[in-house]
Amino acid sequence: MLMIWTGMFIIALLQVPILINKKQWKELASFTVLWIIAGIYASLILGTFAGAIAVPNHSELLNRFFTALYSRLGI
C-alpha cells in the first residue's frame, strides 16, 4: 500500500505546482477532491486483497440501486 500512496504523492507533486502556477483554482480543487477519493478507493481495494477489509462488488451495488430506483418509478 505504501507504493500506491508514494506513486500518488509523486503524481500530485508534479500536477499541483502546474495548476497553481497557471492559477487554475477550480481545476486544483477538483483534482484534490478526486485524488483523495482515488486514494481512499485504492486503499480499500488493496485492503480487500490483503483480507483486512470487505468491499462489496460494484455490480451488485449498481444492480441494487437501479432495481430500487426502477421499482420506485414503476418501471
C-alpha atoms as a PDB file:
ATOM      1  CA  MET A   1       0.000   0.000   0.000  1.00  0.00           C
ATOM      2  CA  LEU A   2       2.941   2.272   0.624  1.00  0.00           C
ATOM      3  CA  MET A   3       3.944   2.018  -3.035  1.00  0.00           C
ATOM      4  CA  ILE A   4       0.487   3.141  -4.177  1.00  0.00           C
ATOM      5  CA  TRP A   5       0.491   6.121  -1.831  1.00  0.00           C
ATOM      6  CA  THR A   6       4.046   7.024  -2.869  1.00  0.00           C
ATOM      7  CA  GLY A   7       3.094   6.910  -6.547  1.00  0.00           C
ATOM      8  CA  MET A   8       0.021   9.030  -5.969  1.00  0.00           C
ATOM      9  CA  PHE A   9       2.066  11.513  -3.946  1.00  0.00           C
ATOM     10  CA  ILE A  10       4.662  11.825  -6.729  1.00  0.00           C
ATOM     11  CA  ILE A  11       1.976  12.432  -9.354  1.00  0.00           C
ATOM     12  CA  ALA A  12       0.372  15.058  -7.115  1.00  0.00           C
ATOM     13  CA  LEU A  13       3.759  16.733  -6.655  1.00  0.00           C
ATOM     14  CA  LEU A  14       4.040  17.017 -10.428  1.00  0.00           C
ATOM     15  CA  GLN A  15       0.489  18.254 -11.068  1.00  0.00           C
ATOM     16  CA  VAL A  16      -0.256  20.627  -8.198  1.00  0.00           C
ATOM     17  CA  PRO A  17       2.528  23.173  -8.889  1.00  0.00           C
ATOM     18  CA  ILE A  18       1.466  23.361 -12.547  1.00  0.00           C
ATOM     19  CA  LEU A  19      -2.124  24.110 -11.565  1.00  0.00           C
ATOM     20  CA  ILE A  20      -1.013  26.686  -9.006  1.00  0.00           C
ATOM     21  CA  ASN A  21       1.318  28.455 -11.458  1.00  0.00           C
ATOM     22  CA  LYS A  22      -1.465  28.649 -14.046  1.00  0.00           C
ATOM     23  CA  LYS A  23      -3.862  29.861 -11.330  1.00  0.00           C
ATOM     24  CA  GLN A  24      -6.375  27.161 -12.174  1.00  0.00           C
ATOM     25  CA  TRP A  25      -8.065  27.089  -8.792  1.00  0.00           C
ATOM     26  CA  LYS A  26     -11.213  25.221  -9.839  1.00  0.00           C
ATOM     27  CA  GLU A  27      -9.148  22.539 -11.526  1.00  0.00           C
ATOM     28  CA  LEU A  28      -6.934  22.304  -8.453  1.00  0.00           C
ATOM     29  CA  ALA A  29      -9.966  21.885  -6.202  1.00  0.00           C
ATOM     30  CA  SER A  30     -11.489  19.194  -8.395  1.00  0.00           C
ATOM     31  CA  PHE A  31      -8.106  17.452  -8.743  1.00  0.00           C
ATOM     32  CA  THR A  32      -7.729  17.442  -4.967  1.00  0.00           C
ATOM     33  CA  VAL A  33     -11.197  16.030  -4.330  1.00  0.00           C
ATOM     34  CA  LEU A  34     -10.874  13.340  -7.000  1.00  0.00           C
ATOM     35  CA  TRP A  35      -7.342  12.489  -5.889  1.00  0.00           C
ATOM     36  CA  ILE A  36      -8.470  11.981  -2.290  1.00  0.00           C
ATOM     37  CA  ILE A  37     -11.361   9.775  -3.456  1.00  0.00           C
ATOM     38  CA  ALA A  38      -8.966   7.782  -5.649  1.00  0.00           C
ATOM     39  CA  GLY A  39      -6.560   7.347  -2.728  1.00  0.00           C
ATOM     40  CA  ILE A  40      -9.294   6.099  -0.422  1.00  0.00           C
ATOM     41  CA  TYR A  41     -10.611   3.755  -3.103  1.00  0.00           C
ATOM     42  CA  ALA A  42      -7.124   2.379  -3.844  1.00  0.00           C
ATOM     43  CA  SER A  43      -6.577   1.786  -0.134  1.00  0.00           C
ATOM     44  CA  LEU A  44      -9.904  -0.051   0.162  1.00  0.00           C
ATOM     45  CA  ILE A  45      -9.137  -2.258  -2.825  1.00  0.00           C
ATOM     46  CA  LEU A  46      -5.657  -3.077  -1.533  1.00  0.00           C
ATOM     47  CA  GLY A  47      -7.162  -3.797   1.875  1.00  0.00           C
ATOM     48  CA  THR A  48      -9.570  -6.206   0.205  1.00  0.00           C
ATOM     49  CA  PHE A  49      -6.701  -8.107  -1.386  1.00  0.00           C
ATOM     50  CA  ALA A  50      -4.958  -8.277   1.973  1.00  0.00           C
ATOM     51  CA  GLY A  51      -8.157  -9.614   3.537  1.00  0.00           C
ATOM     52  CA  ALA A  52      -8.414  -6.825   6.085  1.00  0.00           C
ATOM     53  CA  ILE A  53     -11.430  -5.030   4.577  1.00  0.00           C
ATOM     54  CA  ALA A  54     -14.527  -6.338   2.806  1.00  0.00           C
ATOM     55  CA  VAL A  55     -15.569  -4.121  -0.115  1.00  0.00           C
ATOM     56  CA  PRO A  56     -18.849  -5.041  -1.827  1.00  0.00           C
ATOM     57  CA  ASN A  57     -18.928  -5.830  -5.528  1.00  0.00           C
ATOM     58  CA  HIS A  58     -19.629  -2.760  -7.693  1.00  0.00           C
ATOM     59  CA  SER A  59     -22.004  -4.626  -9.972  1.00  0.00           C
ATOM     60  CA  GLU A  60     -24.120  -5.770  -7.046  1.00  0.00           C
ATOM     61  CA  LEU A  61     -24.334  -2.246  -5.638  1.00  0.00           C
ATOM     62  CA  LEU A  62     -25.346  -0.774  -9.002  1.00  0.00           C
ATOM     63  CA  ASN A  63     -27.874  -3.548  -9.558  1.00  0.00           C
ATOM     64  CA  ARG A  64     -29.476  -2.952  -6.144  1.00  0.00           C
ATOM     65  CA  PHE A  65     -29.557   0.807  -6.694  1.00  0.00           C
ATOM     66  CA  PHE A  66     -31.194   0.664 -10.109  1.00  0.00           C
ATOM     67  CA  THR A  67     -33.598  -2.098  -9.091  1.00  0.00           C
ATOM     68  CA  ALA A  68     -34.806   0.048  -6.190  1.00  0.00           C
ATOM     69  CA  LEU A  69     -34.963   3.142  -8.409  1.00  0.00           C
ATOM     70  CA  TYR A  70     -36.955   1.387 -11.125  1.00  0.00           C
ATOM     71  CA  SER A  71     -39.382  -0.118  -8.624  1.00  0.00           C
ATOM     72  CA  ARG A  72     -39.993   3.356  -7.164  1.00  0.00           C
ATOM     73  CA  LEU A  73     -40.563   4.808 -10.608  1.00  0.00           C
ATOM     74  CA  GLY A  74     -42.843   1.928 -11.561  1.00  0.00           C
ATOM     75  CA  ILE A  75     -40.706   0.824 -14.474  1.00  0.00           C
END
